[in-house]
Amino acid sequence: MSRVHILMYHRVGNFPGRVKAHGALYCHLPRFRAQMRMFRLLGYSVLSLDQAVAGLRGEHDLPAKPLVLTFDDAYVDFLENAAPVLLEHGYPATVYAVSGLVGATSRWDAGVGPAPAPLMDAAQLREVRDLGFTVGSHSHRHLRLAQQDDACIADEMVTSKRVLEDLLGQRVDHFCYPYGSHDLRAVRAAAEAGYVTGTTCERAAATPEDDLLSLPRKAVSRGDDVLGVAWKLIAKNHPKRPPIRR
């Protein structure tokens, strides 16, 4: 069966010392560079999310080792640090932006771990688009959607899509559930809003049997060196929830 590994990154940069909490938010830049080199050396083909979706749908054959790179929250350091490395290797990627906090900071981080960090503004998101990367939605306010009422979930989906499409001047087809928090209501709301995919934090490779609106991903943490990331790509999948929308 075809399997597509979707990796989840957040921040990429130089983070001196040990990050004691929320290590999955960080990838030290030297390790990021090494990971990008490793993918090619190990024969992985880095695809755009659209290419991966077409393969999962059976619209074309997937390469032997398909891989998708995603970056949550649209931190400024994606443009400063990650993008040059990706462009050097010719790798596509998807960046998920919080539409209600464009140009602000990751205020949801306050008091729970890392200090809030700058998020890309409208001009920077357009630059990401112009560099050939995909911009997706990470909701409007970065809420735990499974804890919200139906009206709030629908508004988060619809508003974020509208705001980002107006900002970018193009369709926004991909959604990422903040914190990985989703349930059947959220998945259905994503479908009704017109999204093609929704990514979660369920740890597994994506297969044609998965619902495109609840795709699993594997997080890359600050402590992951190239061997750690390689192991995540070849290790047996963690148990994951079955598709929840049919």
Protein backbone atom coordinates (compact mmCIF):
# COMPACT_ATOMS: atom_id res chain seq x y z
CA MET A 1 0.00 0.00 0.00
CA SER A 2 1.22 3.53 -0.82
CA ARG A 3 2.30 5.52 2.22
CA VAL A 4 3.10 9.22 2.40
CA HIS A 5 5.05 10.53 5.37
CA ILE A 6 3.99 14.04 6.38
CA LEU A 7 6.43 15.76 8.72
CA MET A 8 5.37 18.56 11.07
CA TYR A 9 7.74 21.41 11.86
CA HIS A 10 7.10 24.66 13.71
CA ARG A 11 10.04 26.98 14.32
CA VAL A 12 13.43 26.69 12.59
CA GLY A 13 16.37 28.69 13.87
CA ASN A 14 19.27 28.90 16.27
CA PHE A 15 18.06 28.03 19.75
CA PRO A 16 21.00 28.08 22.18
CA GLY A 17 20.84 25.95 25.28
CA ARG A 18 18.29 23.34 26.11
CA VAL A 19 14.61 23.99 25.48
CA LYS A 20 12.96 22.51 28.53
CA ALA A 21 9.36 22.56 27.33
CA HIS A 22 7.52 22.20 24.06
CA GLY A 23 10.51 20.76 22.24
CA ALA A 24 8.32 19.87 19.26
CA LEU A 25 8.09 23.59 18.48
CA TYR A 26 11.80 23.87 17.70
CA CYS A 27 14.22 22.59 15.09
CA HIS A 28 17.78 23.81 15.40
CA LEU A 29 18.91 25.20 12.02
CA PRO A 30 22.04 23.03 11.65
CA ARG A 31 19.92 19.93 12.28
CA PHE A 32 17.31 21.16 9.82
CA ARG A 33 19.99 21.53 7.14
CA ALA A 34 21.26 18.03 7.87
CA GLN A 35 17.76 16.57 7.72
CA MET A 36 17.11 18.14 4.31
CA ARG A 37 20.35 16.63 2.98
CA MET A 38 19.47 13.27 4.49
CA PHE A 39 16.14 13.05 2.67
CA ARG A 40 17.87 13.10 -0.70
CA LEU A 41 20.63 10.75 0.38
CA LEU A 42 18.06 8.20 1.57
CA GLY A 43 16.05 8.45 -1.64
CA TYR A 44 13.01 10.34 -0.37
CA SER A 45 11.00 12.39 -2.86
CA VAL A 46 9.70 15.59 -1.27
CA LEU A 47 6.28 16.36 -2.72
CA SER A 48 3.90 19.25 -2.39
CA LEU A 49 0.74 18.50 -0.47
CA ASP A 50 -1.23 18.77 -3.72
CA GLN A 51 1.04 16.18 -5.37
CA ALA A 52 0.65 13.86 -2.40
CA VAL A 53 -3.13 14.21 -2.46
CA ALA A 54 -3.24 13.34 -6.16
CA GLY A 55 -1.17 10.25 -5.46
CA LEU A 56 -3.33 9.19 -2.50
CA ARG A 57 -6.39 9.59 -4.71
CA GLY A 58 -4.82 7.33 -7.31
CA GLU A 59 -4.58 10.08 -9.92
CA HIS A 60 -0.89 9.27 -10.48
CA ASP A 61 1.69 6.88 -9.11
CA LEU A 62 3.54 7.96 -6.01
CA PRO A 63 7.35 7.66 -5.90
CA ALA A 64 8.90 4.94 -3.78
CA LYS A 65 9.50 7.17 -0.74
CA PRO A 66 7.11 10.13 -0.80
CA LEU A 67 7.51 12.82 1.84
CA VAL A 68 5.63 16.07 2.58
CA LEU A 69 6.98 18.93 4.71
CA THR A 70 4.57 21.12 6.71
CA PHE A 71 5.22 24.11 8.98
CA ASP A 72 2.64 25.18 11.53
CA ASP A 73 1.83 28.75 12.60
CA ALA A 74 3.75 30.69 9.88
CA TYR A 75 6.53 31.96 12.12
CA VAL A 76 8.76 34.64 10.61
CA ASP A 77 11.72 32.31 11.04
CA PHE A 78 10.29 30.04 8.32
CA LEU A 79 11.01 32.76 5.80
CA GLU A 80 14.34 33.71 7.39
CA ASN A 81 15.76 30.25 8.05
CA ALA A 82 13.78 27.36 6.59
CA ALA A 83 12.88 28.77 3.17
CA PRO A 84 16.48 29.31 1.96
CA VAL A 85 17.38 25.72 2.82
CA LEU A 86 14.26 24.35 1.14
CA LEU A 87 14.89 26.41 -1.98
CA GLU A 88 18.49 25.20 -2.11
CA HIS A 89 17.20 21.62 -2.32
CA GLY A 90 14.19 22.42 -4.50
CA TYR A 91 11.77 21.13 -1.86
CA PRO A 92 8.14 22.24 -1.73
CA ALA A 93 6.44 22.84 1.61
CA THR A 94 3.14 23.93 3.12
CA VAL A 95 2.98 26.73 5.70
CA TYR A 96 -0.15 27.03 7.84
CA ALA A 97 -1.07 30.59 8.87
CA VAL A 98 -3.44 31.77 11.61
CA SER A 99 -5.53 34.29 9.71
CA GLY A 100 -6.56 36.39 12.72
CA LEU A 101 -2.96 36.83 13.89
CA VAL A 102 -1.18 37.73 10.66
CA GLY A 103 1.68 40.04 11.58
CA ALA A 104 1.16 39.44 15.31
CA THR A 105 2.80 36.93 17.66
CA SER A 106 2.04 33.40 18.78
CA ARG A 107 0.16 34.67 21.81
CA TRP A 108 -1.19 31.19 22.58
CA ASP A 109 2.35 30.37 23.77
CA ALA A 110 2.21 32.92 26.59
CA GLY A 111 2.44 31.32 30.01
CA VAL A 112 2.57 27.73 28.75
CA GLY A 113 6.13 27.39 27.49
CA PRO A 114 8.08 29.45 24.95
CA ALA A 115 7.69 33.20 24.72
CA PRO A 116 5.38 34.37 21.90
CA ALA A 117 7.29 34.66 18.64
CA PRO A 118 6.67 36.85 15.56
CA LEU A 119 4.29 35.54 12.90
CA MET A 120 4.52 36.51 9.25
CA ASP A 121 2.64 39.57 8.07
CA ALA A 122 0.65 39.82 4.84
CA ALA A 123 3.64 40.85 2.71
CA GLN A 124 5.73 37.98 4.06
CA LEU A 125 2.98 35.43 3.41
CA ARG A 126 2.75 36.70 -0.16
CA GLU A 127 6.52 36.31 -0.43
CA VAL A 128 6.17 32.71 0.73
CA ARG A 129 3.54 32.21 -1.99
CA ASP A 130 5.74 33.85 -4.61
CA LEU A 131 8.65 31.59 -3.67
CA GLY A 132 6.48 28.64 -4.68
CA PHE A 133 5.43 27.36 -1.27
CA THR A 134 1.83 26.58 -0.35
CA VAL A 135 0.03 28.64 2.29
CA GLY A 136 -2.72 26.83 4.17
CA SER A 137 -5.02 27.75 7.03
CA HIS A 138 -4.32 27.12 10.70
CA SER A 139 -7.73 28.51 11.71
CA HIS A 140 -8.60 32.12 12.55
CA ARG A 141 -7.72 32.27 16.27
CA HIS A 142 -5.70 29.09 16.99
CA LEU A 143 -8.34 27.48 19.20
CA ARG A 144 -8.71 23.86 20.27
CA LEU A 145 -11.56 23.16 17.88
CA ALA A 146 -12.80 19.98 19.54
CA GLN A 147 -13.56 22.08 22.63
CA GLN A 148 -15.65 24.67 20.76
CA ASP A 149 -19.33 24.75 19.83
CA ASP A 150 -20.48 24.06 16.28
CA ALA A 151 -20.90 27.72 15.33
CA CYS A 152 -17.39 28.61 16.49
CA ILE A 153 -15.85 25.68 14.59
CA ALA A 154 -17.63 26.67 11.38
CA ASP A 155 -16.60 30.30 11.78
CA GLU A 156 -12.95 29.37 12.35
CA MET A 157 -12.96 27.34 9.14
CA VAL A 158 -14.85 29.77 6.92
CA THR A 159 -13.30 33.01 8.18
CA SER A 160 -9.73 31.78 7.97
CA LYS A 161 -10.24 30.54 4.42
CA ARG A 162 -11.82 33.82 3.30
CA VAL A 163 -9.22 36.04 4.95
CA LEU A 164 -6.26 34.10 3.57
CA GLU A 165 -7.73 33.82 0.08
CA ASP A 166 -8.30 37.59 0.04
CA LEU A 167 -4.74 38.16 1.27
CA LEU A 168 -3.10 35.77 -1.20
CA GLY A 169 -5.39 36.17 -4.18
CA GLN A 170 -5.65 32.41 -4.63
CA ARG A 171 -7.46 29.37 -3.29
CA VAL A 172 -6.58 28.02 0.13
CA ASP A 173 -7.29 24.30 0.05
CA HIS A 174 -5.41 22.97 3.06
CA PHE A 175 -6.25 23.18 6.76
CA CYS A 176 -4.30 22.24 9.87
CA TYR A 177 -6.12 21.65 13.17
CA PRO A 178 -4.47 23.74 15.94
CA TYR A 179 -2.96 21.48 18.61
CA GLY A 180 -4.20 18.59 16.47
CA SER A 181 -7.56 19.10 18.19
CA HIS A 182 -10.33 17.78 15.97
CA ASP A 183 -13.44 15.66 16.08
CA LEU A 184 -16.13 14.62 13.63
CA ARG A 185 -17.73 18.08 13.80
CA ALA A 186 -14.45 19.78 12.89
CA VAL A 187 -13.77 17.42 10.00
CA ARG A 188 -17.26 17.94 8.62
CA ALA A 189 -16.92 21.70 9.01
CA ALA A 190 -13.65 21.61 7.07
CA ALA A 191 -15.40 19.73 4.28
CA GLU A 192 -18.29 22.18 4.24
CA ALA A 193 -15.88 25.13 4.12
CA GLY A 194 -14.31 23.65 0.99
CA TYR A 195 -10.93 22.44 2.23
CA VAL A 196 -9.29 19.53 0.41
CA THR A 197 -7.08 18.33 3.27
CA GLY A 198 -6.90 18.61 7.03
CA THR A 199 -3.76 17.60 8.91
CA THR A 200 -3.65 16.33 12.48
CA CYS A 201 -1.03 15.27 15.03
CA GLU A 202 -1.86 11.56 14.78
CA ARG A 203 1.51 9.82 14.36
CA ALA A 204 1.48 7.64 11.27
CA ALA A 205 2.07 7.70 7.54
CA ALA A 206 -0.88 8.70 5.36
CA THR A 207 -2.43 6.03 3.13
CA PRO A 208 -5.19 5.98 0.52
CA GLU A 209 -7.50 4.63 3.23
CA ASP A 210 -7.18 7.82 5.28
CA ASP A 211 -9.73 10.58 5.13
CA LEU A 212 -7.98 13.49 3.42
CA LEU A 213 -9.46 15.79 6.04
CA SER A 214 -7.83 13.94 8.94
CA LEU A 215 -4.36 13.11 7.67
CA PRO A 216 -1.69 11.96 10.17
CA ARG A 217 1.70 13.61 10.60
CA LYS A 218 4.93 13.00 12.48
CA ALA A 219 6.41 15.83 14.54
CA VAL A 220 10.08 16.78 14.29
CA SER A 221 11.39 18.00 17.65
CA ARG A 222 14.46 19.94 18.70
CA GLY A 223 16.07 16.76 20.00
CA ASP A 224 15.77 14.90 16.69
CA ASP A 225 19.05 14.51 14.85
CA VAL A 226 19.19 12.92 11.40
CA LEU A 227 19.06 9.43 12.87
CA GLY A 228 16.02 10.35 14.95
CA VAL A 229 14.16 11.69 11.95
CA ALA A 230 15.22 8.71 9.82
CA TRP A 231 13.86 6.39 12.51
CA LYS A 232 10.53 8.21 12.50
CA LEU A 233 10.30 7.63 8.76
CA ILE A 234 11.07 3.91 8.87
CA ALA A 235 9.70 2.85 12.26
CA LYS A 236 6.43 1.00 12.58
CA ASN A 237 3.53 3.42 12.65
CA HIS A 238 2.00 4.30 15.96
CA PRO A 239 -1.63 3.23 16.34
CA LYS A 240 -3.91 5.92 15.04
CA ARG A 241 -7.57 6.67 14.99
CA PRO A 242 -9.48 5.32 11.99
CA PRO A 243 -10.90 7.74 9.46
CA ILE A 244 -13.84 9.56 11.01
CA ARG A 245 -15.72 10.87 7.96
CA ARG A 246 -17.19 8.86 5.15
